[in-house]
PDB file of all heavy atoms in Angstrom:
ATOM      1  N   ALA A   1     -94.847 190.163-105.140  1.00  0.00           N
ATOM      2  CA  ALA A   1     -96.114 190.095-105.800  1.00  0.00           C
ATOM      3  C   ALA A   1     -96.028 190.600-107.306  1.00  0.00           C
ATOM      4  O   ALA A   1     -96.554 189.932-108.230  1.00  0.00           O
ATOM      5  CB  ALA A   1     -97.252 190.770-105.134  1.00  0.00           C
ATOM      6  N   ILE A   2     -95.361 191.734-107.458  1.00  0.00           N
ATOM      7  CA  ILE A   2     -95.147 192.290-108.738  1.00  0.00           C
ATOM      8  C   ILE A   2     -94.248 191.387-109.601  1.00  0.00           C
ATOM      9  O   ILE A   2     -94.645 191.096-110.766  1.00  0.00           O
ATOM     10  CB  ILE A   2     -94.539 193.731-108.679  1.00  0.00           C
ATOM     11  CG1 ILE A   2     -95.547 194.649-108.075  1.00  0.00           C
ATOM     12  CG2 ILE A   2     -93.997 194.140-110.019  1.00  0.00           C
ATOM     13  CD1 ILE A   2     -94.970 196.015-107.771  1.00  0.00           C
ATOM     14  N   HIS A   3     -93.285 190.825-109.054  1.00  0.00           N
ATOM     15  CA  HIS A   3     -92.402 189.855-109.745  1.00  0.00           C
ATOM     16  C   HIS A   3     -93.199 188.643-110.178  1.00  0.00           C
ATOM     17  O   HIS A   3     -93.023 188.145-111.315  1.00  0.00           O
ATOM     18  CB  HIS A   3     -91.166 189.432-108.868  1.00  0.00           C
ATOM     19  CG  HIS A   3     -90.270 188.483-109.553  1.00  0.00           C
ATOM     20  ND1 HIS A   3     -89.463 188.871-110.557  1.00  0.00           N
ATOM     21  CD2 HIS A   3     -90.006 187.233-109.309  1.00  0.00           C
ATOM     22  CE1 HIS A   3     -88.752 187.862-110.965  1.00  0.00           C
ATOM     23  NE2 HIS A   3     -89.079 186.777-110.206  1.00  0.00           N
ATOM     24  N   GLU A   4     -93.958 188.090-109.310  1.00  0.00           N
ATOM     25  CA  GLU A   4     -94.790 186.975-109.676  1.00  0.00           C
ATOM     26  C   GLU A   4     -95.817 187.196-110.759  1.00  0.00           C
ATOM     27  O   GLU A   4     -95.983 186.444-111.687  1.00  0.00           O
ATOM     28  CB  GLU A   4     -95.500 186.355-108.414  1.00  0.00           C
ATOM     29  CG  GLU A   4     -94.558 185.747-107.451  1.00  0.00           C
ATOM     30  CD  GLU A   4     -95.325 185.335-106.145  1.00  0.00           C
ATOM     31  OE1 GLU A   4     -96.529 185.545-106.045  1.00  0.00           O
ATOM     32  OE2 GLU A   4     -94.611 184.969-105.174  1.00  0.00           O
ATOM     33  N   ASP A   5     -96.391 188.383-110.710  1.00  0.00           N
ATOM     34  CA  ASP A   5     -97.350 188.814-111.760  1.00  0.00           C
ATOM     35  C   ASP A   5     -96.693 188.921-113.064  1.00  0.00           C
ATOM     36  O   ASP A   5     -97.193 188.522-114.140  1.00  0.00           O
ATOM     37  CB  ASP A   5     -97.939 190.162-111.411  1.00  0.00           C
ATOM     38  CG  ASP A   5     -99.074 190.507-112.261  1.00  0.00           C
ATOM     39  OD1 ASP A   5    -100.032 189.751-112.507  1.00  0.00           O
ATOM     40  OD2 ASP A   5     -99.079 191.688-112.772  1.00  0.00           O
ATOM     41  N   ILE A   6     -95.476 189.468-113.114  1.00  0.00           N
ATOM     42  CA  ILE A   6     -94.707 189.597-114.340  1.00  0.00           C
ATOM     43  C   ILE A   6     -94.412 188.187-114.979  1.00  0.00           C
ATOM     44  O   ILE A   6     -94.528 187.928-116.117  1.00  0.00           O
ATOM     45  CB  ILE A   6     -93.426 190.460-114.147  1.00  0.00           C
ATOM     46  CG1 ILE A   6     -93.800 191.887-113.939  1.00  0.00           C
ATOM     47  CG2 ILE A   6     -92.432 190.277-115.311  1.00  0.00           C
ATOM     48  CD1 ILE A   6     -92.638 192.718-113.502  1.00  0.00           C
ATOM     49  N   GLN A   7     -94.015 187.291-114.039  1.00  0.00           N
ATOM     50  CA  GLN A   7     -93.703 185.932-114.492  1.00  0.00           C
ATOM     51  C   GLN A   7     -94.953 185.220-115.074  1.00  0.00           C
ATOM     52  O   GLN A   7     -94.908 184.658-116.066  1.00  0.00           O
ATOM     53  CB  GLN A   7     -93.068 185.107-113.243  1.00  0.00           C
ATOM     54  CG  GLN A   7     -91.694 185.415-112.901  1.00  0.00           C
ATOM     55  CD  GLN A   7     -91.188 184.528-111.865  1.00  0.00           C
ATOM     56  OE1 GLN A   7     -91.908 184.202-110.881  1.00  0.00           O
ATOM     57  NE2 GLN A   7     -89.971 183.997-112.012  1.00  0.00           N
ATOM     58  N   ILE A   8     -96.048 185.403-114.344  1.00  0.00           N
ATOM     59  CA  ILE A   8     -97.323 184.756-114.893  1.00  0.00           C
ATOM     60  C   ILE A   8     -97.639 185.371-116.278  1.00  0.00           C
ATOM     61  O   ILE A   8     -98.048 184.580-117.130  1.00  0.00           O
ATOM     62  CB  ILE A   8     -98.398 184.981-113.846  1.00  0.00           C
ATOM     63  CG1 ILE A   8     -98.188 184.106-112.624  1.00  0.00           C
ATOM     64  CG2 ILE A   8     -99.768 184.676-114.488  1.00  0.00           C
ATOM     65  CD1 ILE A   8     -99.075 184.370-111.466  1.00  0.00           C
ATOM     66  N   LYS A   9     -97.583 186.627-116.437  1.00  0.00           N
ATOM     67  CA  LYS A   9     -97.832 187.260-117.758  1.00  0.00           C
ATOM     68  C   LYS A   9     -96.915 186.781-118.848  1.00  0.00           C
ATOM     69  O   LYS A   9     -97.397 186.556-119.925  1.00  0.00           O
ATOM     70  CB  LYS A   9     -97.927 188.832-117.555  1.00  0.00           C
ATOM     71  CG  LYS A   9     -99.082 189.295-116.860  1.00  0.00           C
ATOM     72  CD  LYS A   9     -99.053 190.769-116.723  1.00  0.00           C
ATOM     73  CE  LYS A   9    -100.334 191.189-115.881  1.00  0.00           C
ATOM     74  NZ  LYS A   9    -100.333 192.706-115.644  1.00  0.00           N
ATOM     75  N   ASN A  10     -95.642 186.562-118.463  1.00  0.00           N
ATOM     76  CA  ASN A  10     -94.768 186.106-119.453  1.00  0.00           C
ATOM     77  C   ASN A  10     -95.000 184.623-119.830  1.00  0.00           C
ATOM     78  O   ASN A  10     -94.947 184.251-121.021  1.00  0.00           O
ATOM     79  CB  ASN A  10     -93.226 186.217-118.934  1.00  0.00           C
ATOM     80  CG  ASN A  10     -92.775 187.618-118.951  1.00  0.00           C
ATOM     81  OD1 ASN A  10     -93.123 188.452-119.763  1.00  0.00           O
ATOM     82  ND2 ASN A  10     -91.753 187.863-118.075  1.00  0.00           N
ATOM     83  N   ILE A  11     -95.405 183.847-118.878  1.00  0.00           N
ATOM     84  CA  ILE A  11     -95.737 182.460-119.186  1.00  0.00           C
ATOM     85  C   ILE A  11     -97.005 182.466-120.073  1.00  0.00           C
ATOM     86  O   ILE A  11     -97.076 181.729-121.034  1.00  0.00           O
ATOM     87  CB  ILE A  11     -95.994 181.659-117.866  1.00  0.00           C
ATOM     88  CG1 ILE A  11     -94.625 181.443-117.176  1.00  0.00           C
ATOM     89  CG2 ILE A  11     -96.704 180.322-118.135  1.00  0.00           C
ATOM     90  CD1 ILE A  11     -94.768 180.909-115.839  1.00  0.00           C
ATOM     91  N   GLN A  12     -97.969 183.317-119.810  1.00  0.00           N
ATOM     92  CA  GLN A  12     -99.258 183.353-120.503  1.00  0.00           C
ATOM     93  C   GLN A  12     -98.865 183.831-121.983  1.00  0.00           C
ATOM     94  O   GLN A  12     -99.504 183.207-122.953  1.00  0.00           O
ATOM     95  CB  GLN A  12    -100.237 184.282-119.921  1.00  0.00           C
ATOM     96  CG  GLN A  12    -100.794 183.772-118.632  1.00  0.00           C
ATOM     97  CD  GLN A  12    -101.656 184.770-117.900  1.00  0.00           C
ATOM     98  OE1 GLN A  12    -101.508 186.021-118.080  1.00  0.00           O
ATOM     99  NE2 GLN A  12    -102.598 184.323-117.129  1.00  0.00           N
ATOM    100  N   LYS A  13     -98.102 184.751-122.160  1.00  0.00           N
ATOM    101  CA  LYS A  13     -97.634 185.237-123.516  1.00  0.00           C
ATOM    102  C   LYS A  13     -97.065 184.083-124.291  1.00  0.00           C
ATOM    103  O   LYS A  13     -97.409 183.930-125.471  1.00  0.00           O
ATOM    104  CB  LYS A  13     -96.735 186.354-123.414  1.00  0.00           C
ATOM    105  CG  LYS A  13     -97.352 187.680-123.116  1.00  0.00           C
ATOM    106  CD  LYS A  13     -96.292 188.737-123.005  1.00  0.00           C
ATOM    107  CE  LYS A  13     -96.878 190.062-122.473  1.00  0.00           C
ATOM    108  NZ  LYS A  13     -95.831 191.089-122.245  1.00  0.00           N
ATOM    109  N   ARG A  14     -96.165 183.347-123.643  1.00  0.00           N
ATOM    110  CA  ARG A  14     -95.485 182.289-124.341  1.00  0.00           C
ATOM    111  C   ARG A  14     -96.468 181.088-124.647  1.00  0.00           C
ATOM    112  O   ARG A  14     -96.382 180.512-125.689  1.00  0.00           O
ATOM    113  CB  ARG A  14     -94.313 181.734-123.493  1.00  0.00           C
ATOM    114  CG  ARG A  14     -93.086 182.779-123.393  1.00  0.00           C
ATOM    115  CD  ARG A  14     -91.924 182.098-122.889  1.00  0.00           C
ATOM    116  NE  ARG A  14     -92.006 181.449-121.651  1.00  0.00           N
ATOM    117  CZ  ARG A  14     -91.495 181.758-120.438  1.00  0.00           C
ATOM    118  NH1 ARG A  14     -90.782 182.902-120.425  1.00  0.00           N
ATOM    119  NH2 ARG A  14     -91.649 181.097-119.419  1.00  0.00           N
ATOM    120  N   TYR A  15     -97.332 180.857-123.747  1.00  0.00           N
ATOM    121  CA  TYR A  15     -98.372 179.800-124.010  1.00  0.00           C
ATOM    122  C   TYR A  15     -99.219 180.190-125.209  1.00  0.00           C
ATOM    123  O   TYR A  15     -99.480 179.296-126.018  1.00  0.00           O
ATOM    124  CB  TYR A  15     -99.265 179.752-122.730  1.00  0.00           C
ATOM    125  CG  TYR A  15    -100.368 178.615-122.952  1.00  0.00           C
ATOM    126  CD1 TYR A  15    -100.091 177.277-122.881  1.00  0.00           C
ATOM    127  CD2 TYR A  15    -101.640 179.037-123.283  1.00  0.00           C
ATOM    128  CE1 TYR A  15    -101.070 176.297-123.157  1.00  0.00           C
ATOM    129  CE2 TYR A  15    -102.678 178.063-123.536  1.00  0.00           C
ATOM    130  CZ  TYR A  15    -102.345 176.728-123.447  1.00  0.00           C
ATOM    131  OH  TYR A  15    -103.406 175.771-123.634  1.00  0.00           O
ATOM    132  N   HIS A  16     -99.599 181.422-125.274  1.00  0.00           N
ATOM    133  CA  HIS A  16    -100.398 181.829-126.480  1.00  0.00           C
ATOM    134  C   HIS A  16     -99.666 181.745-127.792  1.00  0.00           C
ATOM    135  O   HIS A  16    -100.337 181.755-128.883  1.00  0.00           O
ATOM    136  CB  HIS A  16    -101.013 183.210-126.225  1.00  0.00           C
ATOM    137  CG  HIS A  16    -102.030 183.236-125.172  1.00  0.00           C
ATOM    138  ND1 HIS A  16    -103.228 182.532-125.233  1.00  0.00           N
ATOM    139  CD2 HIS A  16    -102.082 183.926-123.966  1.00  0.00           C
ATOM    140  CE1 HIS A  16    -103.912 182.764-124.069  1.00  0.00           C
ATOM    141  NE2 HIS A  16    -103.199 183.549-123.293  1.00  0.00           N
ATOM    142  N   LEU A  17     -98.400 181.745-127.786  1.00  0.00           N
ATOM    143  CA  LEU A  17     -97.545 181.582-128.961  1.00  0.00           C
ATOM    144  C   LEU A  17     -97.508 180.094-129.451  1.00  0.00           C
ATOM    145  O   LEU A  17     -97.101 179.879-130.561  1.00  0.00           O
ATOM    146  CB  LEU A  17     -96.144 182.102-128.794  1.00  0.00           C
ATOM    147  CG  LEU A  17     -95.992 183.685-128.497  1.00  0.00           C
ATOM    148  CD1 LEU A  17     -94.622 184.042-128.161  1.00  0.00           C
ATOM    149  CD2 LEU A  17     -96.539 184.425-129.754  1.00  0.00           C
ATOM    150  N   LEU A  18     -97.849 179.178-128.625  1.00  0.00           N
ATOM    151  CA  LEU A  18     -97.837 177.810-129.033  1.00  0.00           C
ATOM    152  C   LEU A  18     -98.892 177.407-129.999  1.00  0.00           C
ATOM    153  O   LEU A  18     -99.884 177.981-129.970  1.00  0.00           O
ATOM    154  CB  LEU A  18     -97.998 176.899-127.686  1.00  0.00           C
ATOM    155  CG  LEU A  18     -96.972 176.945-126.592  1.00  0.00           C
ATOM    156  CD1 LEU A  18     -97.384 176.091-125.488  1.00  0.00           C
ATOM    157  CD2 LEU A  18     -95.624 176.538-127.104  1.00  0.00           C
ATOM    158  N   THR A  19     -98.488 176.461-130.892  1.00  0.00           N
ATOM    159  CA  THR A  19     -99.488 175.974-131.779  1.00  0.00           C
ATOM    160  C   THR A  19    -100.517 175.146-131.041  1.00  0.00           C
ATOM    161  O   THR A  19    -100.321 174.714-129.902  1.00  0.00           O
ATOM    162  CB  THR A  19     -98.802 175.162-132.926  1.00  0.00           C
ATOM    163  OG1 THR A  19     -98.282 173.989-132.313  1.00  0.00           O
ATOM    164  CG2 THR A  19     -97.793 175.891-133.670  1.00  0.00           C
ATOM    165  N   THR A  20    -101.591 174.750-131.649  1.00  0.00           N
ATOM    166  CA  THR A  20    -102.614 173.891-131.067  1.00  0.00           C
ATOM    167  C   THR A  20    -101.979 172.531-130.722  1.00  0.00           C
ATOM    168  O   THR A  20    -102.252 172.026-129.632  1.00  0.00           O
ATOM    169  CB  THR A  20    -103.823 173.687-132.161  1.00  0.00           C
ATOM    170  OG1 THR A  20    -104.327 174.947-132.401  1.00  0.00           O
ATOM    171  CG2 THR A  20    -104.839 172.783-131.494  1.00  0.00           C
ATOM    172  N   LYS A  21    -101.176 172.046-131.588  1.00  0.00           N
ATOM    173  CA  LYS A  21    -100.488 170.715-131.346  1.00  0.00           C
ATOM    174  C   LYS A  21     -99.519 170.892-130.169  1.00  0.00           C
ATOM    175  O   LYS A  21     -99.528 169.908-129.289  1.00  0.00           O
ATOM    176  CB  LYS A  21     -99.664 170.326-132.613  1.00  0.00           C
ATOM    177  CG  LYS A  21     -99.217 168.864-132.569  1.00  0.00           C
ATOM    178  CD  LYS A  21    -100.379 167.988-132.543  1.00  0.00           C
ATOM    179  CE  LYS A  21     -99.962 166.518-132.782  1.00  0.00           C
ATOM    180  NZ  LYS A  21    -101.053 165.599-132.702  1.00  0.00           N
ATOM    181  N   GLU A  22     -98.787 171.927-130.131  1.00  0.00           N
ATOM    182  CA  GLU A  22     -97.839 172.133-128.975  1.00  0.00           C
ATOM    183  C   GLU A  22     -98.673 172.244-127.652  1.00  0.00           C
ATOM    184  O   GLU A  22     -98.146 171.701-126.623  1.00  0.00           O
ATOM    185  CB  GLU A  22     -97.028 173.353-129.230  1.00  0.00           C
ATOM    186  CG  GLU A  22     -95.950 173.191-130.309  1.00  0.00           C
ATOM    187  CD  GLU A  22     -95.273 174.443-130.643  1.00  0.00           C
ATOM    188  OE1 GLU A  22     -95.973 175.579-130.534  1.00  0.00           O
ATOM    189  OE2 GLU A  22     -94.137 174.444-131.100  1.00  0.00           O
ATOM    190  N   LYS A  23     -99.846 172.846-127.683  1.00  0.00           N
ATOM    191  CA  LYS A  23    -100.605 172.928-126.449  1.00  0.00           C
ATOM    192  C   LYS A  23    -101.178 171.565-126.026  1.00  0.00           C
ATOM    193  O   LYS A  23    -101.229 171.300-124.842  1.00  0.00           O
ATOM    194  CB  LYS A  23    -101.770 173.932-126.697  1.00  0.00           C
ATOM    195  CG  LYS A  23    -101.363 175.336-126.753  1.00  0.00           C
ATOM    196  CD  LYS A  23    -102.526 176.251-127.059  1.00  0.00           C
ATOM    197  CE  LYS A  23    -102.122 177.709-127.253  1.00  0.00           C
ATOM    198  NZ  LYS A  23    -103.188 178.633-127.561  1.00  0.00           N
ATOM    199  N   GLU A  24    -101.453 170.670-127.030  1.00  0.00           N
ATOM    200  CA  GLU A  24    -101.960 169.353-126.694  1.00  0.00           C
ATOM    201  C   GLU A  24    -100.821 168.627-126.088  1.00  0.00           C
ATOM    202  O   GLU A  24    -101.026 167.893-125.113  1.00  0.00           O
ATOM    203  CB  GLU A  24    -102.347 168.657-128.076  1.00  0.00           C
ATOM    204  CG  GLU A  24    -103.614 169.181-128.627  1.00  0.00           C
ATOM    205  CD  GLU A  24    -103.936 168.551-129.979  1.00  0.00           C
ATOM    206  OE1 GLU A  24    -103.389 167.489-130.281  1.00  0.00           O
ATOM    207  OE2 GLU A  24    -104.901 169.034-130.703  1.00  0.00           O
ATOM    208  N   VAL A  25     -99.620 168.628-126.629  1.00  0.00           N
ATOM    209  CA  VAL A  25     -98.402 168.038-126.093  1.00  0.00           C
ATOM    210  C   VAL A  25     -98.136 168.479-124.622  1.00  0.00           C
ATOM    211  O   VAL A  25     -97.869 167.711-123.707  1.00  0.00           O
ATOM    212  CB  VAL A  25     -97.188 168.088-126.994  1.00  0.00           C
ATOM    213  CG1 VAL A  25     -95.986 167.542-126.299  1.00  0.00           C
ATOM    214  CG2 VAL A  25     -97.451 167.428-128.239  1.00  0.00           C
ATOM    215  N   LEU A  26     -98.244 169.835-124.451  1.00  0.00           N
ATOM    216  CA  LEU A  26     -98.017 170.392-123.203  1.00  0.00           C
ATOM    217  C   LEU A  26     -99.009 169.766-122.169  1.00  0.00           C
ATOM    218  O   LEU A  26     -98.569 169.555-121.055  1.00  0.00           O
ATOM    219  CB  LEU A  26     -98.123 171.894-123.223  1.00  0.00           C
ATOM    220  CG  LEU A  26     -97.920 172.659-121.899  1.00  0.00           C
ATOM    221  CD1 LEU A  26     -96.578 172.391-121.319  1.00  0.00           C
ATOM    222  CD2 LEU A  26     -98.236 174.128-122.142  1.00  0.00           C
ATOM    223  N   HIS A  27    -100.193 169.635-122.535  1.00  0.00           N
ATOM    224  CA  HIS A  27    -101.159 169.031-121.657  1.00  0.00           C
ATOM    225  C   HIS A  27    -100.752 167.687-121.146  1.00  0.00           C
ATOM    226  O   HIS A  27    -100.768 167.403-119.912  1.00  0.00           O
ATOM    227  CB  HIS A  27    -102.508 168.903-122.402  1.00  0.00           C
ATOM    228  CG  HIS A  27    -103.559 168.130-121.544  1.00  0.00           C
ATOM    229  ND1 HIS A  27    -104.213 168.746-120.478  1.00  0.00           N
ATOM    230  CD2 HIS A  27    -104.011 166.878-121.706  1.00  0.00           C
ATOM    231  CE1 HIS A  27    -105.074 167.756-120.024  1.00  0.00           C
ATOM    232  NE2 HIS A  27    -104.933 166.711-120.709  1.00  0.00           N
ATOM    233  N   PHE A  28    -100.193 166.823-122.017  1.00  0.00           N
ATOM    234  CA  PHE A  28     -99.693 165.481-121.627  1.00  0.00           C
ATOM    235  C   PHE A  28     -98.494 165.609-120.771  1.00  0.00           C
ATOM    236  O   PHE A  28     -98.336 164.812-119.827  1.00  0.00           O
ATOM    237  CB  PHE A  28     -99.463 164.659-122.920  1.00  0.00           C
ATOM    238  CG  PHE A  28    -100.727 164.277-123.676  1.00  0.00           C
ATOM    239  CD1 PHE A  28    -100.843 164.603-124.991  1.00  0.00           C
ATOM    240  CD2 PHE A  28    -101.858 163.727-123.020  1.00  0.00           C
ATOM    241  CE1 PHE A  28    -101.981 164.275-125.728  1.00  0.00           C
ATOM    242  CE2 PHE A  28    -102.988 163.398-123.675  1.00  0.00           C
ATOM    243  CZ  PHE A  28    -103.081 163.721-125.091  1.00  0.00           C
TER     244      PHE A  28
END
């Protein structure tokens, strides 16, 4: 559970570093 939580937080951090355009592309 701790490992999964760390992974989720890392993914969230990386997502927030994306530009608006990159987030749009990620959606597609």
